Amino acid sequence: MPERTLYEYAVVRLVPRVEREEFINVGIALYCRKYRFAKMVYAIDEQKVRALCPKIELELIENHLSSFQRICNGDKDAGKLAALDITERFRWLTAKRSTVIQCSASHPGLCEDPEATLQNLFERLVL
């Protein structure tokens, strides 16, 4: 039986108008040191986004989220940040910032399968 091990996750949020502090959950970033696992998944609900900001450039948002995902996943073609150690990548991505793409605080948990846990969190908190 697999051993339960510590993981951390953060909800990735789209904040179309930072000054209003309204957001939509668009993704989950999950990190598990023991399994050397860091991955981010996302989905954009255009109807929700347009309800908060009708004139938002969705292509630009898609590009930002794709970059975030590639860095989190350690894509070799995603630049210097993606080449950082797995822990440093996760910490850099989940650091507090005031931008259109933000993360919640990191939350801990225990899992046996980080991929399954990521998908479960994504379904519960984003979709």
Protein backbone atom coordinates (compact mmCIF):
# COMPACT_ATOMS: atom_id res chain seq x y z
CA MET A 1 0.00 0.00 0.00
CA PRO A 2 1.41 3.44 -0.93
CA GLU A 3 2.49 5.67 1.92
CA ARG A 4 0.60 8.89 2.56
CA THR A 5 2.91 11.84 2.24
CA LEU A 6 2.76 15.60 2.62
CA TYR A 7 1.76 17.80 -0.30
CA GLU A 8 0.95 21.48 -0.71
CA TYR A 9 -1.43 23.14 -3.10
CA ALA A 10 -2.55 26.63 -4.02
CA VAL A 11 -5.61 27.74 -5.93
CA VAL A 12 -4.67 29.79 -8.99
CA ARG A 13 -6.96 32.77 -9.39
CA LEU A 14 -7.77 35.16 -12.19
CA VAL A 15 -8.23 38.69 -10.86
CA PRO A 16 -9.41 40.62 -13.94
CA ARG A 17 -9.50 43.98 -12.17
CA VAL A 18 -6.98 43.91 -9.35
CA GLU A 19 -8.38 47.07 -7.75
CA ARG A 20 -11.75 45.35 -7.21
CA GLU A 21 -10.21 42.21 -5.64
CA GLU A 22 -12.80 39.96 -7.33
CA PHE A 23 -11.46 36.66 -8.57
CA ILE A 24 -12.34 33.42 -10.31
CA ASN A 25 -10.63 30.14 -9.46
CA VAL A 26 -9.00 28.96 -12.68
CA GLY A 27 -6.42 26.39 -11.61
CA ILE A 28 -4.61 24.34 -9.01
CA ALA A 29 -0.85 24.12 -8.45
CA LEU A 30 0.27 21.10 -6.41
CA TYR A 31 3.71 20.26 -5.05
CA CYS A 32 4.83 17.04 -3.36
CA ARG A 33 8.50 16.87 -2.44
CA LYS A 34 8.66 13.12 -1.77
CA TYR A 35 7.35 12.26 -5.23
CA ARG A 36 9.27 15.13 -6.88
CA PHE A 37 5.94 16.29 -8.25
CA ALA A 38 4.95 19.83 -9.21
CA LYS A 39 2.15 20.40 -11.63
CA MET A 40 -0.47 23.00 -12.45
CA VAL A 41 -3.75 22.51 -14.30
CA TYR A 42 -6.20 25.20 -15.31
CA ALA A 43 -9.41 25.94 -17.18
CA ILE A 44 -10.91 29.29 -18.10
CA ASP A 45 -14.68 29.70 -17.88
CA GLU A 46 -15.17 32.51 -20.39
CA GLN A 47 -18.70 33.27 -19.21
CA LYS A 48 -17.56 33.82 -15.60
CA VAL A 49 -14.59 35.90 -16.70
CA ARG A 50 -16.69 38.11 -18.97
CA ALA A 51 -19.20 38.63 -16.15
CA LEU A 52 -16.44 40.31 -14.10
CA CYS A 53 -14.64 42.00 -16.98
CA PRO A 54 -16.36 42.04 -20.38
CA LYS A 55 -13.38 43.57 -22.22
CA ILE A 56 -10.65 41.28 -20.89
CA GLU A 57 -8.14 39.91 -23.40
CA LEU A 58 -8.63 36.16 -22.95
CA GLU A 59 -5.74 35.31 -25.27
CA LEU A 60 -3.37 37.24 -23.00
CA ILE A 61 -4.77 35.47 -19.92
CA GLU A 62 -4.37 32.09 -21.66
CA ASN A 63 -0.72 32.96 -22.43
CA HIS A 64 -0.04 33.90 -18.79
CA LEU A 65 -1.66 30.73 -17.46
CA SER A 66 0.18 28.59 -19.99
CA SER A 67 3.50 30.13 -18.90
CA PHE A 68 2.63 29.53 -15.24
CA GLN A 69 1.79 25.92 -16.05
CA ARG A 70 4.99 25.34 -18.04
CA ILE A 71 7.13 26.80 -15.25
CA CYS A 72 5.36 24.76 -12.56
CA ASN A 73 5.67 21.58 -14.61
CA GLY A 74 9.39 22.23 -15.18
CA ASP A 75 9.14 22.45 -18.98
CA LYS A 76 12.72 22.67 -20.27
CA ASP A 77 11.68 25.29 -22.86
CA ALA A 78 9.99 27.58 -20.31
CA GLY A 79 13.08 29.57 -19.34
CA LYS A 80 15.21 30.00 -16.23
CA LEU A 81 12.36 29.83 -13.71
CA ALA A 82 11.34 26.39 -14.98
CA ALA A 83 14.92 25.21 -14.43
CA LEU A 84 14.81 26.05 -10.72
CA ASP A 85 14.63 23.28 -8.14
CA ILE A 86 11.08 21.95 -7.77
CA THR A 87 10.62 23.58 -4.34
CA GLU A 88 11.92 26.95 -5.52
CA ARG A 89 9.60 26.86 -8.55
CA PHE A 90 6.53 26.20 -6.41
CA ARG A 91 7.49 28.88 -3.87
CA TRP A 92 8.17 31.45 -6.59
CA LEU A 93 4.87 30.75 -8.34
CA THR A 94 2.78 30.88 -5.16
CA ALA A 95 4.41 34.01 -3.71
CA LYS A 96 2.01 36.88 -2.95
CA ARG A 97 1.71 39.41 -5.75
CA SER A 98 -0.76 41.96 -7.01
CA THR A 99 -1.29 40.89 -10.60
CA VAL A 100 -4.03 39.46 -12.78
CA ILE A 101 -2.88 35.89 -11.98
CA GLN A 102 -2.61 35.26 -8.22
CA CYS A 103 -2.48 32.27 -5.90
CA SER A 104 -4.23 31.54 -2.66
CA ALA A 105 -2.18 30.75 0.39
CA SER A 106 -0.56 27.30 0.22
CA HIS A 107 -2.54 24.56 1.93
CA PRO A 108 -1.05 21.26 3.19
CA GLY A 109 -2.50 17.79 3.04
CA LEU A 110 -1.58 14.11 2.87
CA CYS A 111 -1.85 12.03 -0.29
CA GLU A 112 -0.84 8.70 -1.78
CA ASP A 113 -1.07 9.84 -5.41
CA PRO A 114 -0.30 13.50 -6.16
CA GLU A 115 -1.74 13.34 -9.69
CA ALA A 116 -5.08 11.98 -8.45
CA THR A 117 -5.11 14.54 -5.64
CA LEU A 118 -4.45 17.35 -8.12
CA GLN A 119 -7.36 16.24 -10.31
CA ASN A 120 -9.67 15.90 -7.30
CA LEU A 121 -8.83 19.41 -6.07
CA PHE A 122 -9.25 20.80 -9.58
CA GLU A 123 -12.71 19.26 -9.92
CA ARG A 124 -13.81 20.45 -6.46
CA LEU A 125 -12.36 23.95 -6.44
CA VAL A 126 -12.24 25.07 -10.09
CA LEU A 127 -14.69 23.23 -12.30
